[in-house]
Every structure is written in C-alpha cells, then in structure tokens.
Amino acid sequence: MTDVVVTFRDADEPRPLSARLVATAHRHPDGWSLHIPEADVRTGHETVDEAVAALLRTTGIRRLLMVWTGPGPV
C-alpha cells in the first residue's frame, strides 16, 4: 500500500486564503486518520469519503480543495 496523505482547504475562500490548511487525512492499512487542527479533532474512518463527510460536518465548510500526495483514492 502506497502512503497517501490528503490535505484539505476551503474552496470558498478567496485564493490567498484558500492556502490555509483545514485538515489532513492519512491512509493506513485500517483506513483513514483525519486531523482537523483548529477543532483539535482526530478521528478514524474506513474510507476517504467518510473522512471528508466528517470534515464537512465538523467545520461547516461546503466545498473543499483536496491535494493528494500519492496516487489518489483507492
């Protein structure tokens, strides 16, 4: 399994502000770990879709920019 980290930014923010990191998710053998620094939240999820849903619920963000450091969701 290739190591994959996803970073999330608020797509509704003006471009200079959308560079602000909202959260990160890391894929591991058991699923995905999600970290939302501003909310001091760390959670585990089976799929990246579940991690994204948790991020949207926690932050109230409506649209995300997702930056993949690996090959993408699998």
N, C-alpha and C. Protein backbone atom coordinates (compact mmCIF):
# COMPACT_ATOMS: atom_id res chain seq x y z
N MET A 1 0.85 -1.18 0.00
CA MET A 1 0.00 0.00 0.00
C MET A 1 0.89 1.24 0.00
N THR A 2 0.67 2.11 -0.95
CA THR A 2 1.42 3.35 -1.05
C THR A 2 0.92 4.33 0.00
N ASP A 3 1.85 5.04 0.63
CA ASP A 3 1.50 6.03 1.63
C ASP A 3 0.81 7.21 0.94
N VAL A 4 -0.37 7.57 1.41
CA VAL A 4 -1.11 8.68 0.82
C VAL A 4 -1.53 9.63 1.93
N VAL A 5 -1.28 10.91 1.71
CA VAL A 5 -1.75 11.96 2.61
C VAL A 5 -2.55 12.94 1.77
N VAL A 6 -3.70 13.34 2.28
CA VAL A 6 -4.54 14.32 1.61
C VAL A 6 -4.62 15.55 2.50
N THR A 7 -4.44 16.74 1.92
CA THR A 7 -4.66 17.96 2.67
C THR A 7 -5.91 18.63 2.12
N PHE A 8 -6.61 19.34 2.99
CA PHE A 8 -7.88 19.96 2.63
C PHE A 8 -7.82 21.46 2.88
N ARG A 9 -8.40 22.20 1.96
CA ARG A 9 -8.52 23.65 2.09
C ARG A 9 -9.94 24.06 1.72
N ASP A 10 -10.35 25.23 2.18
CA ASP A 10 -11.71 25.74 1.92
C ASP A 10 -11.77 26.34 0.53
N ALA A 11 -12.51 25.71 -0.38
CA ALA A 11 -12.59 26.18 -1.77
C ALA A 11 -13.41 27.46 -1.91
N ASP A 12 -14.19 27.83 -0.90
CA ASP A 12 -14.99 29.05 -0.98
C ASP A 12 -14.23 30.29 -0.52
N GLU A 13 -13.05 30.09 0.03
CA GLU A 13 -12.23 31.23 0.46
C GLU A 13 -11.56 31.85 -0.76
N PRO A 14 -11.31 33.17 -0.73
CA PRO A 14 -10.54 33.78 -1.81
C PRO A 14 -9.18 33.07 -1.94
N ARG A 15 -8.65 33.00 -3.12
CA ARG A 15 -7.44 32.22 -3.38
C ARG A 15 -6.31 32.42 -2.35
N PRO A 16 -5.96 33.66 -1.95
CA PRO A 16 -4.87 33.79 -0.98
C PRO A 16 -5.18 33.08 0.35
N LEU A 17 -6.47 33.07 0.73
CA LEU A 17 -6.84 32.44 1.99
C LEU A 17 -7.06 30.94 1.85
N SER A 18 -7.31 30.46 0.63
CA SER A 18 -7.55 29.03 0.47
C SER A 18 -6.29 28.21 0.67
N ALA A 19 -5.16 28.87 0.82
CA ALA A 19 -3.92 28.16 1.11
C ALA A 19 -3.88 27.69 2.57
N ARG A 20 -4.79 28.22 3.40
CA ARG A 20 -4.82 27.83 4.82
C ARG A 20 -5.24 26.37 4.94
N LEU A 21 -4.41 25.59 5.59
CA LEU A 21 -4.69 24.18 5.80
C LEU A 21 -5.87 24.01 6.74
N VAL A 22 -6.87 23.25 6.33
CA VAL A 22 -8.04 22.99 7.16
C VAL A 22 -7.89 21.66 7.88
N ALA A 23 -7.39 20.64 7.16
CA ALA A 23 -7.26 19.31 7.75
C ALA A 23 -6.33 18.45 6.90
N THR A 24 -5.92 17.33 7.48
CA THR A 24 -5.16 16.33 6.75
C THR A 24 -5.77 14.96 7.01
N ALA A 25 -5.63 14.09 6.03
CA ALA A 25 -6.05 12.70 6.19
C ALA A 25 -4.91 11.82 5.71
N HIS A 26 -4.67 10.74 6.42
CA HIS A 26 -3.58 9.83 6.09
C HIS A 26 -4.14 8.42 5.95
N ARG A 27 -3.81 7.77 4.83
CA ARG A 27 -4.27 6.40 4.61
C ARG A 27 -3.30 5.43 5.28
N HIS A 28 -3.86 4.46 5.96
CA HIS A 28 -3.08 3.41 6.60
C HIS A 28 -3.82 2.09 6.38
N PRO A 29 -3.26 0.96 6.77
CA PRO A 29 -3.89 -0.33 6.48
C PRO A 29 -5.32 -0.48 6.98
N ASP A 30 -5.70 0.21 8.05
CA ASP A 30 -7.04 0.08 8.61
C ASP A 30 -8.03 1.13 8.12
N GLY A 31 -7.60 2.03 7.24
CA GLY A 31 -8.49 3.08 6.76
C GLY A 31 -7.80 4.41 6.69
N TRP A 32 -8.49 5.45 7.17
CA TRP A 32 -8.01 6.82 7.10
C TRP A 32 -8.05 7.49 8.47
N SER A 33 -6.99 8.22 8.80
CA SER A 33 -6.96 9.05 10.00
C SER A 33 -7.15 10.49 9.56
N LEU A 34 -8.07 11.19 10.20
CA LEU A 34 -8.37 12.58 9.88
C LEU A 34 -7.94 13.46 11.05
N HIS A 35 -7.24 14.56 10.75
CA HIS A 35 -6.84 15.52 11.77
C HIS A 35 -7.31 16.91 11.34
N ILE A 36 -8.12 17.54 12.21
CA ILE A 36 -8.60 18.90 11.98
C ILE A 36 -7.98 19.77 13.08
N PRO A 37 -6.86 20.45 12.80
CA PRO A 37 -6.11 21.16 13.84
C PRO A 37 -6.92 22.21 14.60
N GLU A 38 -7.69 23.05 13.91
CA GLU A 38 -8.41 24.14 14.59
C GLU A 38 -9.47 23.63 15.55
N ALA A 39 -10.04 22.47 15.25
CA ALA A 39 -11.07 21.89 16.12
C ALA A 39 -10.46 20.90 17.11
N ASP A 40 -9.14 20.68 17.02
CA ASP A 40 -8.44 19.70 17.84
C ASP A 40 -9.14 18.33 17.76
N VAL A 41 -9.44 17.91 16.53
CA VAL A 41 -10.16 16.66 16.28
C VAL A 41 -9.24 15.68 15.55
N ARG A 42 -9.23 14.45 16.03
CA ARG A 42 -8.55 13.34 15.36
C ARG A 42 -9.53 12.18 15.35
N THR A 43 -9.86 11.69 14.15
CA THR A 43 -10.82 10.60 14.04
C THR A 43 -10.33 9.58 13.03
N GLY A 44 -10.90 8.38 13.09
CA GLY A 44 -10.57 7.32 12.16
C GLY A 44 -11.78 6.97 11.31
N HIS A 45 -11.53 6.62 10.03
CA HIS A 45 -12.62 6.31 9.10
C HIS A 45 -12.19 5.19 8.17
N GLU A 46 -13.14 4.39 7.70
CA GLU A 46 -12.83 3.30 6.79
C GLU A 46 -12.51 3.79 5.39
N THR A 47 -13.17 4.85 4.93
CA THR A 47 -12.94 5.36 3.57
C THR A 47 -12.63 6.85 3.62
N VAL A 48 -12.03 7.34 2.52
CA VAL A 48 -11.75 8.77 2.44
C VAL A 48 -13.06 9.55 2.35
N ASP A 49 -14.10 8.98 1.75
CA ASP A 49 -15.40 9.66 1.69
C ASP A 49 -15.97 9.89 3.09
N GLU A 50 -15.80 8.92 3.98
CA GLU A 50 -16.26 9.10 5.36
C GLU A 50 -15.46 10.19 6.06
N ALA A 51 -14.16 10.25 5.80
CA ALA A 51 -13.32 11.29 6.39
C ALA A 51 -13.75 12.67 5.91
N VAL A 52 -14.03 12.79 4.61
CA VAL A 52 -14.49 14.07 4.05
C VAL A 52 -15.82 14.47 4.67
N ALA A 53 -16.75 13.52 4.81
CA ALA A 53 -18.06 13.82 5.40
C ALA A 53 -17.89 14.32 6.83
N ALA A 54 -17.01 13.69 7.59
CA ALA A 54 -16.75 14.13 8.98
C ALA A 54 -16.15 15.53 9.00
N LEU A 55 -15.25 15.81 8.08
CA LEU A 55 -14.64 17.14 8.00
C LEU A 55 -15.70 18.19 7.69
N LEU A 56 -16.57 17.93 6.73
CA LEU A 56 -17.61 18.89 6.38
C LEU A 56 -18.57 19.12 7.55
N ARG A 57 -18.95 18.04 8.25
CA ARG A 57 -19.84 18.18 9.42
C ARG A 57 -19.18 19.00 10.52
N THR A 58 -17.91 18.75 10.77
CA THR A 58 -17.21 19.40 11.87
C THR A 58 -16.94 20.88 11.61
N THR A 59 -16.57 21.21 10.38
CA THR A 59 -16.15 22.58 10.08
C THR A 59 -17.25 23.45 9.47
N GLY A 60 -18.25 22.84 8.86
CA GLY A 60 -19.28 23.60 8.17
C GLY A 60 -18.85 24.06 6.79
N ILE A 61 -17.67 23.68 6.36
CA ILE A 61 -17.20 24.02 5.01
C ILE A 61 -18.08 23.30 4.00
N ARG A 62 -18.39 24.00 2.91
CA ARG A 62 -19.28 23.41 1.90
C ARG A 62 -18.53 22.80 0.72
N ARG A 63 -17.39 23.41 0.35
CA ARG A 63 -16.61 22.91 -0.79
C ARG A 63 -15.14 22.83 -0.39
N LEU A 64 -14.51 21.73 -0.75
CA LEU A 64 -13.11 21.52 -0.37
C LEU A 64 -12.20 21.50 -1.58
N LEU A 65 -10.99 21.99 -1.38
CA LEU A 65 -9.88 21.71 -2.28
C LEU A 65 -9.13 20.56 -1.64
N MET A 66 -8.92 19.50 -2.40
CA MET A 66 -8.21 18.33 -1.88
C MET A 66 -6.90 18.19 -2.64
N VAL A 67 -5.79 18.11 -1.92
CA VAL A 67 -4.48 17.96 -2.53
C VAL A 67 -3.93 16.60 -2.12
N TRP A 68 -3.73 15.73 -3.12
CA TRP A 68 -3.25 14.36 -2.90
C TRP A 68 -1.74 14.30 -3.03
N THR A 69 -1.06 13.63 -2.11
CA THR A 69 0.37 13.46 -2.21
C THR A 69 0.75 12.11 -2.77
N GLY A 70 -0.25 11.27 -3.04
CA GLY A 70 0.01 9.94 -3.59
C GLY A 70 -0.80 9.74 -4.85
N PRO A 71 -1.08 8.48 -5.20
CA PRO A 71 -1.76 8.18 -6.45
C PRO A 71 -3.24 8.48 -6.49
N GLY A 72 -3.86 8.86 -5.40
CA GLY A 72 -5.30 9.14 -5.38
C GLY A 72 -6.04 8.09 -4.60
N PRO A 73 -7.36 8.26 -4.46
CA PRO A 73 -8.13 7.35 -3.64
C PRO A 73 -8.20 5.94 -4.25
N VAL A 74 -8.10 4.98 -3.38
CA VAL A 74 -8.23 3.57 -3.80
C VAL A 74 -9.07 2.83 -2.81
